[in-house]
Amino acid sequence: MVFDQEWVAAVAASRERQLAGMRLNTAGPEGGSGDSGKDLIVTQDDLGAVGHEAYLLHDLLRRKADIAGAGQDTKGAGSTARAAQELTSRHLTTGGELFTTLTVWDAQVKTVLQMCAHISNHLDYSKKSYAANDKRIEDSLRHRNGTPVSVSEITKHVR
């Protein structure tokens, strides 16, 4: 009888977790129409800061997480790869497992490095692109003699 009660409680708890998870995947009571009145505002400083953090993370990961290349010998094999080879040569299965772990780790680190580089490069491009767009808009809002167009004159064109 105790098992049945525990089972019912476990099933109920599982259903609650599933419902909570599904609620997280919805747009919420206001919907996802975009009519919330909130605009996305991004400043160049924000873009620069995120891009810089991605660059710093890339540099740190490149230096600290490279266990495949750490302690390279003259043949280019890192100390972890040499240890895996030594264990394998002594017929220990941990050598193969260590090499598999090294291979997976190296692939995952390279993936994260590529993502960081992509983010950094994209945000650097976005920052430069937005600056160029701002400059082009600013230049288009000037008279031929270089004086800025007044707000009242811009308002005439909008109406």
N, C-alpha and C. Protein backbone atom coordinates (compact mmCIF):
# COMPACT_ATOMS: atom_id res chain seq x y z
N MET A 1 0.82 -1.20 0.00
CA MET A 1 0.00 0.00 0.00
C MET A 1 0.87 1.26 0.00
N VAL A 2 1.98 1.24 0.71
CA VAL A 2 2.87 2.40 0.77
C VAL A 2 3.46 2.68 -0.61
N PHE A 3 3.82 1.61 -1.34
CA PHE A 3 4.37 1.79 -2.68
C PHE A 3 3.37 2.48 -3.60
N ASP A 4 2.11 2.07 -3.54
CA ASP A 4 1.08 2.68 -4.38
C ASP A 4 0.95 4.17 -4.11
N GLN A 5 1.01 4.54 -2.84
CA GLN A 5 0.90 5.96 -2.48
C GLN A 5 2.12 6.74 -2.99
N GLU A 6 3.31 6.15 -2.83
CA GLU A 6 4.52 6.81 -3.32
C GLU A 6 4.49 6.95 -4.84
N TRP A 7 3.99 5.90 -5.51
CA TRP A 7 3.91 5.93 -6.97
C TRP A 7 2.97 7.04 -7.44
N VAL A 8 1.82 7.16 -6.82
CA VAL A 8 0.86 8.21 -7.18
C VAL A 8 1.48 9.58 -6.94
N ALA A 9 2.19 9.75 -5.83
CA ALA A 9 2.83 11.03 -5.53
C ALA A 9 3.92 11.35 -6.56
N ALA A 10 4.69 10.33 -6.96
CA ALA A 10 5.76 10.54 -7.95
C ALA A 10 5.18 10.92 -9.30
N VAL A 11 4.10 10.27 -9.71
CA VAL A 11 3.45 10.59 -10.98
C VAL A 11 2.89 12.01 -10.94
N ALA A 12 2.28 12.39 -9.84
CA ALA A 12 1.72 13.75 -9.71
C ALA A 12 2.84 14.79 -9.77
N ALA A 13 3.94 14.52 -9.08
CA ALA A 13 5.07 15.46 -9.10
C ALA A 13 5.65 15.59 -10.51
N SER A 14 5.71 14.46 -11.22
CA SER A 14 6.21 14.48 -12.59
C SER A 14 5.31 15.32 -13.49
N ARG A 15 4.02 15.16 -13.33
CA ARG A 15 3.07 15.95 -14.13
C ARG A 15 3.21 17.44 -13.83
N GLU A 16 3.41 17.78 -12.57
CA GLU A 16 3.60 19.19 -12.20
C GLU A 16 4.84 19.77 -12.87
N ARG A 17 5.92 18.98 -12.87
CA ARG A 17 7.16 19.46 -13.51
C ARG A 17 6.95 19.64 -15.00
N GLN A 18 6.23 18.73 -15.63
CA GLN A 18 5.97 18.85 -17.07
C GLN A 18 5.13 20.08 -17.37
N LEU A 19 4.13 20.33 -16.56
CA LEU A 19 3.28 21.50 -16.77
C LEU A 19 4.08 22.78 -16.58
N ALA A 20 4.94 22.80 -15.57
CA ALA A 20 5.77 23.98 -15.34
C ALA A 20 6.70 24.19 -16.52
N GLY A 21 7.26 23.10 -17.05
CA GLY A 21 8.14 23.21 -18.20
C GLY A 21 7.42 23.72 -19.43
N MET A 22 6.19 23.28 -19.61
CA MET A 22 5.43 23.73 -20.76
C MET A 22 5.04 25.19 -20.62
N ARG A 23 4.80 25.64 -19.42
CA ARG A 23 4.47 27.05 -19.21
C ARG A 23 5.66 27.92 -19.60
N LEU A 24 6.87 27.43 -19.37
CA LEU A 24 8.04 28.21 -19.71
C LEU A 24 8.19 28.39 -21.22
N ASN A 25 7.60 27.48 -21.97
CA ASN A 25 7.74 27.53 -23.42
C ASN A 25 6.61 28.29 -24.10
N THR A 26 5.83 29.08 -23.37
CA THR A 26 4.75 29.84 -23.97
C THR A 26 5.12 31.31 -24.01
N ALA A 27 4.34 32.07 -24.76
CA ALA A 27 4.59 33.49 -24.88
C ALA A 27 4.06 34.27 -23.68
N GLY A 28 3.28 33.65 -22.85
CA GLY A 28 2.75 34.35 -21.69
C GLY A 28 1.36 34.89 -21.95
N PRO A 29 0.71 35.44 -20.91
CA PRO A 29 -0.67 35.89 -21.07
C PRO A 29 -0.83 37.04 -22.05
N GLU A 30 0.20 37.87 -22.24
CA GLU A 30 0.05 38.99 -23.16
C GLU A 30 0.25 38.58 -24.61
N GLY A 31 0.69 37.35 -24.83
CA GLY A 31 0.86 36.85 -26.19
C GLY A 31 2.20 37.26 -26.77
N GLY A 32 2.47 36.79 -27.95
CA GLY A 32 3.74 37.08 -28.58
C GLY A 32 3.61 37.96 -29.80
N SER A 33 2.60 38.80 -29.82
CA SER A 33 2.32 39.61 -31.01
C SER A 33 3.29 40.76 -31.18
N GLY A 34 4.06 41.08 -30.17
CA GLY A 34 4.98 42.20 -30.27
C GLY A 34 4.33 43.53 -29.96
N ASP A 35 3.10 43.53 -29.50
CA ASP A 35 2.40 44.77 -29.20
C ASP A 35 2.55 45.19 -27.75
N SER A 36 3.62 44.77 -27.12
CA SER A 36 3.78 45.07 -25.70
C SER A 36 4.22 46.50 -25.46
N GLY A 37 4.55 47.23 -26.54
CA GLY A 37 4.95 48.61 -26.38
C GLY A 37 6.41 48.76 -26.00
N LYS A 38 7.14 47.69 -25.94
CA LYS A 38 8.55 47.75 -25.57
C LYS A 38 9.40 47.58 -26.82
N ASP A 39 10.36 48.45 -26.98
CA ASP A 39 11.27 48.37 -28.11
C ASP A 39 12.60 47.82 -27.64
N LEU A 40 13.27 47.11 -28.53
CA LEU A 40 14.61 46.64 -28.24
C LEU A 40 15.56 47.80 -28.48
N ILE A 41 16.28 48.14 -27.45
CA ILE A 41 17.23 49.24 -27.55
C ILE A 41 18.61 48.69 -27.27
N VAL A 42 19.49 48.84 -28.23
CA VAL A 42 20.86 48.37 -28.08
C VAL A 42 21.78 49.54 -28.39
N THR A 43 22.68 49.82 -27.49
CA THR A 43 23.64 50.88 -27.73
C THR A 43 24.94 50.26 -28.24
N GLN A 44 25.74 51.09 -28.88
CA GLN A 44 27.02 50.59 -29.38
C GLN A 44 27.91 50.13 -28.23
N ASP A 45 27.76 50.77 -27.08
CA ASP A 45 28.54 50.33 -25.92
C ASP A 45 28.15 48.92 -25.51
N ASP A 46 26.84 48.61 -25.58
CA ASP A 46 26.38 47.25 -25.25
C ASP A 46 26.99 46.24 -26.21
N LEU A 47 26.92 46.54 -27.50
CA LEU A 47 27.47 45.63 -28.50
C LEU A 47 28.97 45.46 -28.30
N GLY A 48 29.64 46.56 -28.05
CA GLY A 48 31.09 46.48 -27.85
C GLY A 48 31.45 45.67 -26.63
N ALA A 49 30.68 45.83 -25.55
CA ALA A 49 30.97 45.09 -24.32
C ALA A 49 30.77 43.59 -24.50
N VAL A 50 29.68 43.21 -25.16
CA VAL A 50 29.42 41.78 -25.38
C VAL A 50 30.47 41.20 -26.32
N GLY A 51 30.80 41.92 -27.39
CA GLY A 51 31.83 41.46 -28.31
C GLY A 51 33.18 41.32 -27.64
N HIS A 52 33.49 42.27 -26.76
CA HIS A 52 34.76 42.21 -26.03
C HIS A 52 34.80 41.02 -25.08
N GLU A 53 33.70 40.76 -24.39
CA GLU A 53 33.64 39.60 -23.49
C GLU A 53 33.79 38.30 -24.28
N ALA A 54 33.18 38.23 -25.45
CA ALA A 54 33.32 37.04 -26.29
C ALA A 54 34.78 36.87 -26.72
N TYR A 55 35.44 37.98 -27.04
CA TYR A 55 36.85 37.92 -27.42
C TYR A 55 37.71 37.46 -26.24
N LEU A 56 37.44 38.01 -25.06
CA LEU A 56 38.21 37.60 -23.87
C LEU A 56 38.00 36.13 -23.55
N LEU A 57 36.74 35.66 -23.66
CA LEU A 57 36.46 34.25 -23.41
C LEU A 57 37.17 33.37 -24.42
N HIS A 58 37.18 33.79 -25.67
CA HIS A 58 37.88 33.04 -26.72
C HIS A 58 39.37 32.93 -26.38
N ASP A 59 39.96 34.04 -26.01
CA ASP A 59 41.39 34.04 -25.68
C ASP A 59 41.69 33.17 -24.47
N LEU A 60 40.87 33.28 -23.44
CA LEU A 60 41.07 32.49 -22.22
C LEU A 60 40.90 30.99 -22.50
N LEU A 61 39.85 30.64 -23.23
CA LEU A 61 39.64 29.23 -23.57
C LEU A 61 40.78 28.68 -24.42
N ARG A 62 41.24 29.49 -25.36
CA ARG A 62 42.31 29.04 -26.25
C ARG A 62 43.57 28.72 -25.44
N ARG A 63 43.84 29.54 -24.44
CA ARG A 63 45.05 29.32 -23.63
C ARG A 63 44.88 28.24 -22.56
N LYS A 64 43.71 28.20 -21.91
CA LYS A 64 43.55 27.34 -20.73
C LYS A 64 42.92 25.98 -21.02
N ALA A 65 42.09 25.88 -22.04
CA ALA A 65 41.32 24.64 -22.23
C ALA A 65 41.93 23.71 -23.27
N ASP A 66 43.09 24.06 -23.78
CA ASP A 66 43.73 23.24 -24.82
C ASP A 66 44.53 22.12 -24.17
N ILE A 67 43.83 21.08 -23.72
CA ILE A 67 44.56 19.97 -23.11
C ILE A 67 45.14 19.05 -24.17
N ALA A 68 44.63 19.14 -25.40
CA ALA A 68 45.18 18.31 -26.48
C ALA A 68 46.58 18.77 -26.86
N GLY A 69 46.82 20.07 -26.80
CA GLY A 69 48.12 20.59 -27.20
C GLY A 69 49.05 20.90 -26.05
N ALA A 70 48.59 20.69 -24.82
CA ALA A 70 49.42 21.01 -23.66
C ALA A 70 50.60 20.04 -23.57
N GLY A 71 51.78 20.57 -23.32
CA GLY A 71 52.97 19.74 -23.15
C GLY A 71 53.38 19.01 -24.41
N GLN A 72 53.30 19.69 -25.55
CA GLN A 72 53.63 19.03 -26.81
C GLN A 72 55.09 18.61 -26.87
N ASP A 73 55.31 17.44 -27.47
CA ASP A 73 56.68 16.99 -27.70
C ASP A 73 57.10 17.42 -29.10
N THR A 74 58.25 16.94 -29.54
CA THR A 74 58.77 17.34 -30.86
C THR A 74 57.89 16.85 -32.00
N LYS A 75 57.10 15.82 -31.78
CA LYS A 75 56.21 15.29 -32.82
C LYS A 75 54.85 15.98 -32.81
N GLY A 76 54.61 16.86 -31.85
CA GLY A 76 53.36 17.59 -31.78
C GLY A 76 52.29 16.94 -30.94
N ALA A 77 52.60 15.81 -30.30
CA ALA A 77 51.61 15.14 -29.46
C ALA A 77 51.62 15.77 -28.07
N GLY A 78 50.44 16.08 -27.56
CA GLY A 78 50.33 16.66 -26.22
C GLY A 78 50.52 15.60 -25.15
N SER A 79 50.70 16.06 -23.93
CA SER A 79 50.97 15.13 -22.82
C SER A 79 49.79 14.19 -22.57
N THR A 80 48.57 14.67 -22.74
CA THR A 80 47.41 13.80 -22.52
C THR A 80 47.35 12.71 -23.59
N ALA A 81 47.62 13.08 -24.83
CA ALA A 81 47.63 12.08 -25.92
C ALA A 81 48.75 11.07 -25.70
N ARG A 82 49.90 11.54 -25.25
CA ARG A 82 51.01 10.61 -24.97
C ARG A 82 50.66 9.67 -23.83
N ALA A 83 49.98 10.20 -22.81
CA ALA A 83 49.56 9.34 -21.68
C ALA A 83 48.57 8.29 -22.16
N ALA A 84 47.63 8.70 -23.02
CA ALA A 84 46.66 7.74 -23.56
C ALA A 84 47.37 6.67 -24.38
N GLN A 85 48.35 7.09 -25.16
CA GLN A 85 49.11 6.14 -25.98
C GLN A 85 49.91 5.18 -25.10
N GLU A 86 50.50 5.69 -24.05
CA GLU A 86 51.28 4.84 -23.13
C GLU A 86 50.37 3.83 -22.44
N LEU A 87 49.22 4.26 -21.97
CA LEU A 87 48.28 3.34 -21.32
C LEU A 87 47.79 2.28 -22.30
N THR A 88 47.51 2.70 -23.53
CA THR A 88 47.05 1.75 -24.54
C THR A 88 48.15 0.74 -24.87
N SER A 89 49.40 1.21 -24.95
CA SER A 89 50.50 0.29 -25.28
C SER A 89 50.72 -0.75 -24.19
N ARG A 90 50.26 -0.46 -22.99
CA ARG A 90 50.37 -1.42 -21.88
C ARG A 90 49.07 -2.22 -21.72
N HIS A 91 48.23 -2.17 -22.75
CA HIS A 91 46.99 -2.95 -22.81
C HIS A 91 45.99 -2.57 -21.71
N LEU A 92 45.97 -1.30 -21.37
CA LEU A 92 44.98 -0.80 -20.40
C LEU A 92 43.87 -0.09 -21.19
N THR A 93 42.64 -0.47 -20.92
CA THR A 93 41.52 0.13 -21.66
C THR A 93 41.33 1.61 -21.33
N THR A 94 41.87 2.05 -20.21
CA THR A 94 41.74 3.47 -19.87
C THR A 94 42.47 4.35 -20.88
N GLY A 95 43.46 3.78 -21.58
CA GLY A 95 44.17 4.56 -22.61
C GLY A 95 43.23 4.96 -23.73
N GLY A 96 42.45 4.01 -24.22
CA GLY A 96 41.49 4.31 -25.27
C GLY A 96 40.42 5.27 -24.81
N GLU A 97 39.97 5.07 -23.57
CA GLU A 97 38.93 5.96 -23.02
C GLU A 97 39.48 7.37 -22.82
N LEU A 98 40.73 7.46 -22.38
CA LEU A 98 41.35 8.78 -22.20
C LEU A 98 41.48 9.48 -23.55
N PHE A 99 41.86 8.73 -24.57
CA PHE A 99 41.98 9.32 -25.91
C PHE A 99 40.61 9.76 -26.43
N THR A 100 39.58 8.96 -26.19
CA THR A 100 38.22 9.33 -26.60
C THR A 100 37.78 10.61 -25.88
N THR A 101 38.05 10.65 -24.58
CA THR A 101 37.71 11.85 -23.80
C THR A 101 38.45 13.07 -24.34
N LEU A 102 39.72 12.89 -24.65
CA LEU A 102 40.52 13.99 -25.20
C LEU A 102 39.95 14.46 -26.53
N THR A 103 39.56 13.54 -27.38
CA THR A 103 39.00 13.87 -28.69
C THR A 103 37.68 14.63 -28.55
N VAL A 104 36.81 14.15 -27.68
CA VAL A 104 35.51 14.81 -27.47
C VAL A 104 35.73 16.20 -26.87
N TRP A 105 36.59 16.28 -25.86
CA TRP A 105 36.88 17.57 -25.21
C TRP A 105 37.41 18.56 -26.23
N ASP A 106 38.37 18.12 -27.04
CA ASP A 106 38.98 19.00 -28.02
C ASP A 106 37.94 19.50 -29.02
N ALA A 107 37.06 18.61 -29.48
CA ALA A 107 36.01 19.01 -30.43
C ALA A 107 35.06 20.02 -29.79
N GLN A 108 34.69 19.80 -28.54
CA GLN A 108 33.77 20.72 -27.87
C GLN A 108 34.41 22.08 -27.62
N VAL A 109 35.69 22.07 -27.24
CA VAL A 109 36.39 23.34 -27.02
C VAL A 109 36.47 24.11 -28.34
N LYS A 110 36.78 23.42 -29.43
CA LYS A 110 36.85 24.09 -30.73
C LYS A 110 35.50 24.66 -31.12
N THR A 111 34.42 23.96 -30.81
CA THR A 111 33.08 24.46 -31.11
C THR A 111 32.79 25.74 -30.33
N VAL A 112 33.12 25.74 -29.04
CA VAL A 112 32.90 26.94 -28.22
C VAL A 112 33.79 28.08 -28.70
N LEU A 113 35.03 27.78 -29.08
CA LEU A 113 35.92 28.81 -29.61
C LEU A 113 35.34 29.42 -30.89
N GLN A 114 34.81 28.58 -31.76
CA GLN A 114 34.19 29.09 -32.99
C GLN A 114 32.99 29.97 -32.67
N MET A 115 32.19 29.56 -31.70
CA MET A 115 31.02 30.37 -31.32
C MET A 115 31.45 31.73 -30.77
N CYS A 116 32.46 31.72 -29.90
CA CYS A 116 32.94 32.99 -29.33
C CYS A 116 33.49 33.90 -30.42
N ALA A 117 34.26 33.32 -31.34
CA ALA A 117 34.82 34.12 -32.44
C ALA A 117 33.70 34.67 -33.32
N HIS A 118 32.69 33.86 -33.58
CA HIS A 118 31.56 34.30 -34.40
C HIS A 118 30.82 35.46 -33.73
N ILE A 119 30.57 35.32 -32.44
CA ILE A 119 29.87 36.39 -31.69
C ILE A 119 30.70 37.66 -31.71
N SER A 120 31.98 37.53 -31.40
CA SER A 120 32.85 38.70 -31.36
C SER A 120 32.91 39.39 -32.72
N ASN A 121 33.13 38.61 -33.78
CA ASN A 121 33.22 39.19 -35.12
C ASN A 121 31.89 39.80 -35.55
N HIS A 122 30.79 39.11 -35.27
CA HIS A 122 29.48 39.62 -35.66
C HIS A 122 29.17 40.94 -34.96
N LEU A 123 29.47 41.01 -33.67
CA LEU A 123 29.16 42.24 -32.94
C LEU A 123 30.09 43.37 -33.35
N ASP A 124 31.35 43.04 -33.66
CA ASP A 124 32.25 44.08 -34.18
C ASP A 124 31.71 44.62 -35.50
N TYR A 125 31.25 43.69 -36.38
CA TYR A 125 30.67 44.11 -37.66
C TYR A 125 29.41 44.94 -37.42
N SER A 126 28.54 44.49 -36.51
CA SER A 126 27.30 45.20 -36.23
C SER A 126 27.59 46.61 -35.73
N LYS A 127 28.56 46.71 -34.84
CA LYS A 127 28.90 48.01 -34.28
C LYS A 127 29.38 48.95 -35.39
N LYS A 128 30.25 48.46 -36.27
CA LYS A 128 30.75 49.29 -37.37
C LYS A 128 29.64 49.60 -38.36
N SER A 129 28.79 48.62 -38.63
CA SER A 129 27.69 48.81 -39.56
C SER A 129 26.71 49.86 -39.04
N TYR A 130 26.37 49.77 -37.75
CA TYR A 130 25.45 50.74 -37.16
C TYR A 130 26.06 52.14 -37.18
N ALA A 131 27.36 52.22 -36.93
CA ALA A 131 28.03 53.52 -36.96
C ALA A 131 27.97 54.10 -38.37
N ALA A 132 28.19 53.25 -39.38
CA ALA A 132 28.12 53.71 -40.77
C ALA A 132 26.70 54.14 -41.12
N ASN A 133 25.71 53.37 -40.67
CA ASN A 133 24.31 53.74 -40.93
C ASN A 133 23.97 55.06 -40.26
N ASP A 134 24.40 55.23 -39.01
CA ASP A 134 24.14 56.49 -38.30
C ASP A 134 24.78 57.66 -39.04
N LYS A 135 25.99 57.47 -39.54
CA LYS A 135 26.69 58.53 -40.26
C LYS A 135 25.95 58.87 -41.56
N ARG A 136 25.48 57.84 -42.26
CA ARG A 136 24.76 58.05 -43.52
C ARG A 136 23.44 58.81 -43.25
N ILE A 137 22.75 58.42 -42.19
CA ILE A 137 21.50 59.11 -41.84
C ILE A 137 21.79 60.55 -41.44
N GLU A 138 22.83 60.73 -40.64
CA GLU A 138 23.21 62.08 -40.22
C GLU A 138 23.54 62.95 -41.44
N ASP A 139 24.29 62.39 -42.38
CA ASP A 139 24.65 63.14 -43.58
C ASP A 139 23.42 63.46 -44.42
N SER A 140 22.45 62.54 -44.45
CA SER A 140 21.24 62.79 -45.25
C SER A 140 20.35 63.86 -44.61
N LEU A 141 20.56 64.14 -43.35
CA LEU A 141 19.77 65.16 -42.66
C LEU A 141 20.53 66.49 -42.58
N ARG A 142 21.30 66.76 -43.60
CA ARG A 142 22.01 68.03 -43.71
C ARG A 142 21.65 68.68 -45.05
N HIS A 143 21.65 70.01 -45.03
CA HIS A 143 21.47 70.75 -46.27
C HIS A 143 22.74 70.64 -47.10
N ARG A 144 22.66 71.09 -48.34
CA ARG A 144 23.83 71.01 -49.23
C ARG A 144 25.02 71.79 -48.69
N ASN A 145 24.74 72.84 -47.94
CA ASN A 145 25.84 73.64 -47.40
C ASN A 145 26.40 73.04 -46.10
N GLY A 146 25.85 71.90 -45.65
CA GLY A 146 26.38 71.22 -44.47
C GLY A 146 25.67 71.53 -43.17
N THR A 147 24.74 72.47 -43.18
CA THR A 147 24.02 72.79 -41.95
C THR A 147 22.95 71.74 -41.70
N PRO A 148 22.70 71.42 -40.44
CA PRO A 148 21.71 70.38 -40.14
C PRO A 148 20.29 70.84 -40.48
N VAL A 149 19.47 69.90 -40.90
CA VAL A 149 18.06 70.15 -41.17
C VAL A 149 17.36 70.31 -39.82
N SER A 150 16.53 71.33 -39.69
CA SER A 150 15.86 71.57 -38.41
C SER A 150 14.75 70.54 -38.19
N VAL A 151 14.40 70.36 -36.94
CA VAL A 151 13.35 69.41 -36.58
C VAL A 151 12.02 69.82 -37.21
N SER A 152 11.74 71.11 -37.23
CA SER A 152 10.47 71.57 -37.82
C SER A 152 10.42 71.26 -39.31
N GLU A 153 11.55 71.32 -39.98
CA GLU A 153 11.59 71.01 -41.41
C GLU A 153 11.39 69.50 -41.64
N ILE A 154 11.96 68.69 -40.77
CA ILE A 154 11.77 67.23 -40.87
C ILE A 154 10.31 66.90 -40.63
N THR A 155 9.68 67.59 -39.67
CA THR A 155 8.29 67.34 -39.34
C THR A 155 7.38 67.64 -40.53
N LYS A 156 7.73 68.64 -41.34
CA LYS A 156 6.93 68.95 -42.53
C LYS A 156 6.90 67.76 -43.48
N HIS A 157 8.02 67.06 -43.61
CA HIS A 157 8.09 65.93 -44.54
C HIS A 157 7.37 64.70 -44.01
N VAL A 158 7.22 64.61 -42.71
CA VAL A 158 6.59 63.44 -42.10
C VAL A 158 5.08 63.52 -42.22
N ARG A 159 4.53 64.70 -42.14
CA ARG A 159 3.07 64.88 -42.17
C ARG A 159 2.48 64.60 -43.48
